Amino acid sequence: MIFPVEKLISAASAARERAYAPYSNFSVGAAILTREGRYYTGCNVENSSFGLTCCAERVALFKAVSNGERNFEAIAITAGTDDHCAPCGACRQALAEFGAEIKVFMVNRLGDYRMQTVSELLPSVFGKNALTAGSIEISDKKSIDSLIEPVNR
């Protein structure tokens, strides 16, 4: 797909202006592009209970997914800083759920970017295969009951 990365960066920059970051004053914007050419934006939303804060990348991703999207081409991320804005580990994991080859454009305040794929940013992803690797197949209820039977001590 041909899509000007500058348009995606511009959308991420506009989203950054809507960030809710009263605690860190670190506003981030993101724009994620689907393979069909649609894009969705997100900004970080902080909370006084810091663990409930949601990053711009996940806001954009979740907005797209909640609209039925599943196939993504790229995401642009900007914080208006001198450094290129890289996604945190949680955002890398969330993006990896939808594709290791998603291009991640990490943008600085000048609009310059560095691009890496999700797999380059998160080479040892915890993926769907990890969920089935150690699973046990149990064929009858009696076996299940013996596995969960309480231990009296």
Protein backbone atom coordinates (compact mmCIF):
# COMPACT_ATOMS: atom_id res chain seq x y z
CA MET A 1 0.00 0.00 0.00
CA ILE A 2 1.23 3.47 -0.85
CA PHE A 3 0.39 5.96 1.87
CA PRO A 4 2.41 9.09 2.55
CA VAL A 5 4.06 8.67 5.94
CA GLU A 6 3.91 12.45 6.33
CA LYS A 7 0.09 12.26 6.41
CA LEU A 8 0.24 9.64 9.18
CA ILE A 9 2.74 11.78 11.13
CA SER A 10 0.52 14.83 10.71
CA ALA A 11 -2.47 12.90 12.08
CA ALA A 12 -0.38 11.72 15.06
CA SER A 13 0.76 15.30 15.73
CA ALA A 14 -2.82 16.56 15.67
CA ALA A 15 -3.87 13.79 18.07
CA ARG A 16 -1.06 14.81 20.42
CA GLU A 17 -2.75 18.18 20.85
CA ARG A 18 -5.72 16.39 22.46
CA ALA A 19 -3.65 14.43 25.01
CA TYR A 20 -4.74 14.49 28.64
CA ALA A 21 -1.43 14.57 30.51
CA PRO A 22 -1.85 16.77 33.62
CA TYR A 23 0.57 14.69 35.74
CA SER A 24 3.54 14.08 33.45
CA ASN A 25 3.02 16.94 30.97
CA PHE A 26 4.25 14.40 28.40
CA SER A 27 1.72 14.54 25.55
CA VAL A 28 1.86 11.78 22.95
CA GLY A 29 -0.10 11.30 19.75
CA ALA A 30 -0.38 8.27 17.49
CA ALA A 31 -2.05 7.36 14.22
CA ILE A 32 -2.42 3.76 13.07
CA LEU A 33 -2.95 2.84 9.43
CA THR A 34 -4.98 -0.16 8.28
CA ARG A 35 -4.05 -2.19 5.21
CA GLU A 36 -7.21 -0.81 3.59
CA GLY A 37 -5.91 2.77 3.92
CA ARG A 38 -8.01 3.94 6.86
CA TYR A 39 -6.33 5.50 9.86
CA TYR A 40 -7.30 6.02 13.49
CA THR A 41 -5.73 8.42 15.94
CA GLY A 42 -5.10 8.29 19.67
CA CYS A 43 -3.56 10.38 22.42
CA ASN A 44 -2.35 9.43 25.86
CA VAL A 45 -4.92 9.70 28.64
CA GLU A 46 -3.47 9.91 32.14
CA ASN A 47 -5.20 9.11 35.40
CA SER A 48 -4.37 10.03 39.00
CA SER A 49 -4.19 6.28 39.59
CA PHE A 50 -1.15 6.06 37.32
CA GLY A 51 -1.61 2.40 36.41
CA LEU A 52 -4.86 3.30 34.65
CA THR A 53 -3.12 5.63 32.21
CA CYS A 54 -3.42 4.56 28.58
CA CYS A 55 -0.78 5.32 25.98
CA ALA A 56 -1.58 6.99 22.66
CA GLU A 57 -0.58 3.91 20.67
CA ARG A 58 -3.04 1.65 22.48
CA VAL A 59 -5.81 4.26 22.29
CA ALA A 60 -5.37 4.40 18.49
CA LEU A 61 -5.12 0.60 18.23
CA PHE A 62 -8.15 -0.03 20.44
CA LYS A 63 -10.19 2.60 18.58
CA ALA A 64 -9.39 0.83 15.30
CA VAL A 65 -10.12 -2.63 16.70
CA SER A 66 -13.42 -1.43 18.21
CA ASN A 67 -14.35 -0.30 14.69
CA GLY A 68 -13.75 -3.80 13.33
CA GLU A 69 -10.18 -3.39 12.05
CA ARG A 70 -7.73 -6.26 12.39
CA ASN A 71 -5.08 -5.72 9.70
CA PHE A 72 -2.56 -2.94 10.17
CA GLU A 73 0.21 -1.54 8.00
CA ALA A 74 1.88 1.14 10.14
CA ILE A 75 1.69 3.42 13.16
CA ALA A 76 3.26 6.85 13.73
CA ILE A 77 4.06 8.06 17.24
CA THR A 78 5.16 11.53 18.34
CA ALA A 79 5.72 13.32 21.62
CA GLY A 80 7.16 16.54 20.23
CA THR A 81 10.55 15.76 21.78
CA ASP A 82 14.11 15.92 20.43
CA ASP A 83 14.30 12.12 20.57
CA HIS A 84 12.29 9.77 18.38
CA CYS A 85 9.29 8.60 20.42
CA ALA A 86 9.44 4.81 20.83
CA PRO A 87 6.47 2.78 22.10
CA CYS A 88 6.62 1.33 25.61
CA GLY A 89 6.74 -2.43 26.17
CA ALA A 90 2.98 -2.73 26.75
CA CYS A 91 2.26 -0.95 23.46
CA ARG A 92 4.78 -3.13 21.62
CA GLN A 93 3.02 -6.23 22.97
CA ALA A 94 -0.42 -4.87 22.04
CA LEU A 95 0.73 -4.09 18.50
CA ALA A 96 2.38 -7.52 18.18
CA GLU A 97 -1.01 -9.15 18.72
CA PHE A 98 -1.99 -7.80 15.31
CA GLY A 99 1.21 -8.27 13.34
CA ALA A 100 4.96 -8.53 13.75
CA GLU A 101 5.55 -6.65 10.50
CA ILE A 102 3.60 -3.49 11.38
CA LYS A 103 5.89 -0.55 10.60
CA VAL A 104 6.46 1.75 13.58
CA PHE A 105 7.39 5.33 12.69
CA MET A 106 8.96 6.98 15.75
CA VAL A 107 8.90 10.74 15.22
CA ASN A 108 10.79 13.63 16.82
CA ARG A 109 9.74 17.29 17.18
CA LEU A 110 11.17 18.16 13.75
CA GLY A 111 9.05 15.52 12.03
CA ASP A 112 12.07 13.33 11.32
CA TYR A 113 11.41 9.66 11.92
CA ARG A 114 13.06 6.34 12.49
CA MET A 115 11.19 3.23 11.32
CA GLN A 116 11.35 -0.29 12.74
CA THR A 117 8.91 -3.16 12.58
CA VAL A 118 7.16 -4.46 15.67
CA SER A 119 9.28 -7.64 15.48
CA GLU A 120 12.44 -5.55 15.52
CA LEU A 121 11.20 -3.64 18.56
CA LEU A 122 9.97 -6.79 20.34
CA PRO A 123 11.96 -9.78 19.08
CA SER A 124 10.84 -12.27 21.76
CA VAL A 125 7.11 -11.60 21.70
CA PHE A 126 4.69 -13.40 23.99
CA GLY A 127 2.26 -14.59 21.34
CA LYS A 128 -0.67 -16.90 20.73
CA ASN A 129 1.64 -19.91 20.48
CA ALA A 130 2.79 -19.40 24.07
CA LEU A 131 -0.77 -19.93 25.28
CA THR A 132 -1.00 -23.42 23.76
CA ALA A 133 2.58 -24.58 24.33
CA GLY A 134 1.97 -25.95 27.84
CA SER A 135 -1.71 -26.78 27.68
CA ILE A 136 -2.98 -30.12 28.97
CA GLU A 137 -5.68 -32.13 27.26
CA ILE A 138 -8.10 -33.68 29.75
CA SER A 139 -10.79 -35.96 28.47
CA ASP A 140 -13.04 -36.65 31.44
CA LYS A 141 -14.50 -34.81 34.42
CA LYS A 142 -13.01 -37.24 36.96
CA SER A 143 -9.51 -36.27 35.79
CA ILE A 144 -10.37 -32.60 36.08
CA ASP A 145 -11.74 -33.08 39.60
CA SER A 146 -8.56 -34.83 40.69
CA LEU A 147 -6.49 -31.92 39.38
CA ILE A 148 -8.47 -29.30 41.31
CA GLU A 149 -9.18 -31.35 44.41
CA PRO A 150 -8.15 -29.39 47.52
CA VAL A 151 -5.15 -30.54 49.45
CA ASN A 152 -5.81 -31.05 53.18
CA ARG A 153 -2.82 -30.33 55.35
